[in-house]
C-alpha atoms as a PDB file:
ATOM      1  CA  UNK A   1      87.587  14.817  33.830  1.00  0.00           C
ATOM      2  CA  UNK A   2      86.435  17.353  31.447  1.00  0.00           C
ATOM      3  CA  UNK A   3      83.832  16.610  29.191  1.00  0.00           C
ATOM      4  CA  UNK A   4      84.743  17.693  25.593  1.00  0.00           C
ATOM      5  CA  UNK A   5      82.415  17.765  22.870  1.00  0.00           C
ATOM      6  CA  UNK A   6      84.422  14.930  21.581  1.00  0.00           C
ATOM      7  CA  UNK A   7      84.169  12.629  24.742  1.00  0.00           C
ATOM      8  CA  UNK A   8      80.359  13.415  24.276  1.00  0.00           C
ATOM      9  CA  UNK A   9      79.910  12.549  21.107  1.00  0.00           C
ATOM     10  CA  UNK A  10      81.734   9.396  21.860  1.00  0.00           C
ATOM     11  CA  UNK A  11      79.229   8.646  24.208  1.00  0.00           C
ATOM     12  CA  UNK A  12      76.489   9.346  22.294  1.00  0.00           C
ATOM     13  CA  UNK A  13      77.546   6.916  19.622  1.00  0.00           C
ATOM     14  CA  UNK A  14      78.093   4.159  22.021  1.00  0.00           C
ATOM     15  CA  UNK A  15      74.651   5.074  23.863  1.00  0.00           C
ATOM     16  CA  UNK A  16      73.118   5.197  20.123  1.00  0.00           C
ATOM     17  CA  UNK A  17      75.025   1.493  19.324  1.00  0.00           C
ATOM     18  CA  UNK A  18      73.810  -0.146  22.487  1.00  0.00           C
ATOM     19  CA  UNK A  19      70.183   0.862  21.988  1.00  0.00           C
ATOM     20  CA  UNK A  20      69.961  -0.168  18.296  1.00  0.00           C
ATOM     21  CA  UNK A  21      72.014  -3.650  19.499  1.00  0.00           C
ATOM     22  CA  UNK A  22      68.980  -3.813  21.702  1.00  0.00           C
ATOM     23  CA  UNK A  23      66.365  -3.132  19.839  1.00  0.00           C
ATOM     24  CA  UNK A  24      67.179  -5.079  16.774  1.00  0.00           C
ATOM     25  CA  UNK A  25      67.022  -8.555  19.465  1.00  0.00           C
ATOM     26  CA  UNK A  26      63.671  -7.643  20.733  1.00  0.00           C
ATOM     27  CA  UNK A  27      60.366  -9.060  19.208  1.00  0.00           C
ATOM     28  CA  UNK A  28      58.060  -5.975  18.583  1.00  0.00           C
ATOM     29  CA  UNK A  29      54.998  -8.148  18.279  1.00  0.00           C
ATOM     30  CA  UNK A  30      55.225  -8.662  22.506  1.00  0.00           C
ATOM     31  CA  UNK A  31      54.001  -5.882  24.943  1.00  0.00           C
ATOM     32  CA  UNK A  32      57.141  -6.454  26.867  1.00  0.00           C
ATOM     33  CA  UNK A  33      59.531  -5.374  23.855  1.00  0.00           C
ATOM     34  CA  UNK A  34      57.499  -2.560  23.310  1.00  0.00           C
ATOM     35  CA  UNK A  35      57.518  -1.692  26.993  1.00  0.00           C
ATOM     36  CA  UNK A  36      61.183  -1.974  27.117  1.00  0.00           C
ATOM     37  CA  UNK A  37      62.006  -0.157  23.662  1.00  0.00           C
ATOM     38  CA  UNK A  38      59.448   2.662  25.165  1.00  0.00           C
ATOM     39  CA  UNK A  39      61.607   3.215  28.289  1.00  0.00           C
ATOM     40  CA  UNK A  40      64.821   2.913  26.066  1.00  0.00           C
ATOM     41  CA  UNK A  41      63.460   5.709  23.742  1.00  0.00           C
ATOM     42  CA  UNK A  42      62.778   7.571  27.620  1.00  0.00           C
ATOM     43  CA  UNK A  43      66.011   7.760  28.073  1.00  0.00           C
ATOM     44  CA  UNK A  44      67.473   8.763  24.675  1.00  0.00           C
ATOM     45  CA  UNK A  45      64.327  11.719  25.256  1.00  0.00           C
ATOM     46  CA  UNK A  46      65.725  12.864  28.324  1.00  0.00           C
ATOM     47  CA  UNK A  47      69.273  13.166  27.635  1.00  0.00           C
ATOM     48  CA  UNK A  48      68.216  15.125  24.295  1.00  0.00           C
ATOM     49  CA  UNK A  49      66.530  17.273  27.135  1.00  0.00           C
ATOM     50  CA  UNK A  50      69.491  17.969  29.336  1.00  0.00           C
ATOM     51  CA  UNK A  51      71.441  18.628  26.397  1.00  0.00           C
ATOM     52  CA  UNK A  52      69.120  21.721  25.432  1.00  0.00           C
ATOM     53  CA  UNK A  53      69.440  22.472  28.838  1.00  0.00           C
ATOM     54  CA  UNK A  54      65.865  21.600  29.992  1.00  0.00           C
ATOM     55  CA  UNK A  55      65.941  18.751  32.550  1.00  0.00           C
ATOM     56  CA  UNK A  56      68.588  17.543  34.754  1.00  0.00           C
ATOM     57  CA  UNK A  57      71.266  14.290  34.790  1.00  0.00           C
ATOM     58  CA  UNK A  58      68.620  13.024  37.864  1.00  0.00           C
ATOM     59  CA  UNK A  59      66.346  12.482  35.266  1.00  0.00           C
ATOM     60  CA  UNK A  60      68.370  10.573  33.234  1.00  0.00           C
ATOM     61  CA  UNK A  61      69.581   8.405  35.605  1.00  0.00           C
ATOM     62  CA  UNK A  62      66.271   7.712  36.505  1.00  0.00           C
ATOM     63  CA  UNK A  63      65.216   6.929  33.065  1.00  0.00           C
ATOM     64  CA  UNK A  64      67.917   4.977  32.508  1.00  0.00           C
ATOM     65  CA  UNK A  65      66.986   2.838  36.300  1.00  0.00           C
ATOM     66  CA  UNK A  66      63.880   2.287  35.621  1.00  0.00           C
ATOM     67  CA  UNK A  67      64.610   0.893  32.041  1.00  0.00           C
ATOM     68  CA  UNK A  68      67.452  -1.714  33.484  1.00  0.00           C
ATOM     69  CA  UNK A  69      65.282  -2.613  36.513  1.00  0.00           C
ATOM     70  CA  UNK A  70      62.520  -3.596  33.413  1.00  0.00           C
ATOM     71  CA  UNK A  71      64.879  -5.679  30.857  1.00  0.00           C
ATOM     72  CA  UNK A  72      65.497  -8.544  33.252  1.00  0.00           C
ATOM     73  CA  UNK A  73      62.581  -9.449  32.983  1.00  0.00           C
ATOM     74  CA  UNK A  74      62.156  -9.552  29.599  1.00  0.00           C
ATOM     75  CA  UNK A  75      66.199 -11.594  29.740  1.00  0.00           C
ATOM     76  CA  UNK A  76      64.100 -14.178  32.282  1.00  0.00           C
ATOM     77  CA  UNK A  77      61.059 -14.564  30.248  1.00  0.00           C
ATOM     78  CA  UNK A  78      63.765 -14.973  27.213  1.00  0.00           C
ATOM     79  CA  UNK A  79      65.916 -17.433  28.219  1.00  0.00           C
ATOM     80  CA  UNK A  80      62.808 -19.784  29.705  1.00  0.00           C
ATOM     81  CA  UNK A  81      61.647 -19.752  26.241  1.00  0.00           C
ATOM     82  CA  UNK A  82      65.264 -20.931  25.165  1.00  0.00           C
ATOM     83  CA  UNK A  83      65.906 -23.293  27.348  1.00  0.00           C
ATOM     84  CA  UNK A  84      62.449 -24.674  26.990  1.00  0.00           C
ATOM     85  CA  UNK A  85      62.844 -24.973  23.242  1.00  0.00           C
ATOM     86  CA  UNK A  86      60.457 -23.692  20.300  1.00  0.00           C
ATOM     87  CA  UNK A  87      57.471 -26.592  19.133  1.00  0.00           C
ATOM     88  CA  UNK A  88      59.307 -27.423  16.242  1.00  0.00           C
ATOM     89  CA  UNK A  89      62.192 -28.788  18.530  1.00  0.00           C
ATOM     90  CA  UNK A  90      60.618 -30.040  21.462  1.00  0.00           C
ATOM     91  CA  UNK A  91      58.841 -32.390  18.914  1.00  0.00           C
ATOM     92  CA  UNK A  92      61.350 -33.411  17.494  1.00  0.00           C
ATOM     93  CA  UNK A  93      63.041 -33.851  20.747  1.00  0.00           C
ATOM     94  CA  UNK A  94      59.968 -35.676  22.578  1.00  0.00           C
ATOM     95  CA  UNK A  95      58.398 -37.328  19.521  1.00  0.00           C
ATOM     96  CA  UNK A  96      60.162 -38.100  16.537  1.00  0.00           C
ATOM     97  CA  UNK A  97      63.551 -39.159  18.130  1.00  0.00           C
ATOM     98  CA  UNK A  98      62.359 -41.443  20.096  1.00  0.00           C
ATOM     99  CA  UNK A  99      60.079 -42.970  17.297  1.00  0.00           C
ATOM    100  CA  UNK A 100      63.145 -43.263  15.270  1.00  0.00           C
ATOM    101  CA  UNK A 101      65.141 -44.734  17.906  1.00  0.00           C
ATOM    102  CA  UNK A 102      62.361 -47.141  18.844  1.00  0.00           C
ATOM    103  CA  UNK A 103      61.975 -48.170  15.371  1.00  0.00           C
ATOM    104  CA  UNK A 104      65.527 -48.787  14.501  1.00  0.00           C
ATOM    105  CA  UNK A 105      65.009 -51.042  17.704  1.00  0.00           C
ATOM    106  CA  UNK A 106      62.527 -53.175  16.197  1.00  0.00           C
ATOM    107  CA  UNK A 107      64.147 -53.048  12.620  1.00  0.00           C
ATOM    108  CA  UNK A 108      67.124 -54.740  13.956  1.00  0.00           C
ATOM    109  CA  UNK A 109      65.657 -57.077  16.136  1.00  0.00           C
ATOM    110  CA  UNK A 110      63.507 -58.637  13.250  1.00  0.00           C
ATOM    111  CA  UNK A 111      66.226 -58.712  11.090  1.00  0.00           C
ATOM    112  CA  UNK A 112      68.287 -60.376  13.769  1.00  0.00           C
ATOM    113  CA  UNK A 113      65.449 -62.791  14.192  1.00  0.00           C
ATOM    114  CA  UNK A 114      64.731 -63.780  10.433  1.00  0.00           C
ATOM    115  CA  UNK A 115      61.354 -62.037  10.699  1.00  0.00           C
ATOM    116  CA  UNK A 116      62.692 -59.477   7.920  1.00  0.00           C
ATOM    117  CA  UNK A 117      65.058 -60.698   5.376  1.00  0.00           C
ATOM    118  CA  UNK A 118      67.443 -57.677   3.620  1.00  0.00           C
END
């Protein structure tokens, strides 16, 4: 399939859209996320160099492979963080909910045995 100017333009748009969708999900205060963003920028730079006639597709493919191999580390770390839960959620799940449940049981027992009048 021949690469027309329109096709190249469409592919560049799709690449840019994917890059920004990923970038919006990164937390740039974390070094690993900054590194992934840097690796993605290397891909864009290599692509631009190739379009300017200064490089080849091998460099682009290597840059893409490098970024793609780095991304799963971040995804795994983020998935573990999500599974574990943020601190307020863990506090609610592990301490507040059991305290409310225990307090409710005590309240019901006190009412049941007549120690507390409602």
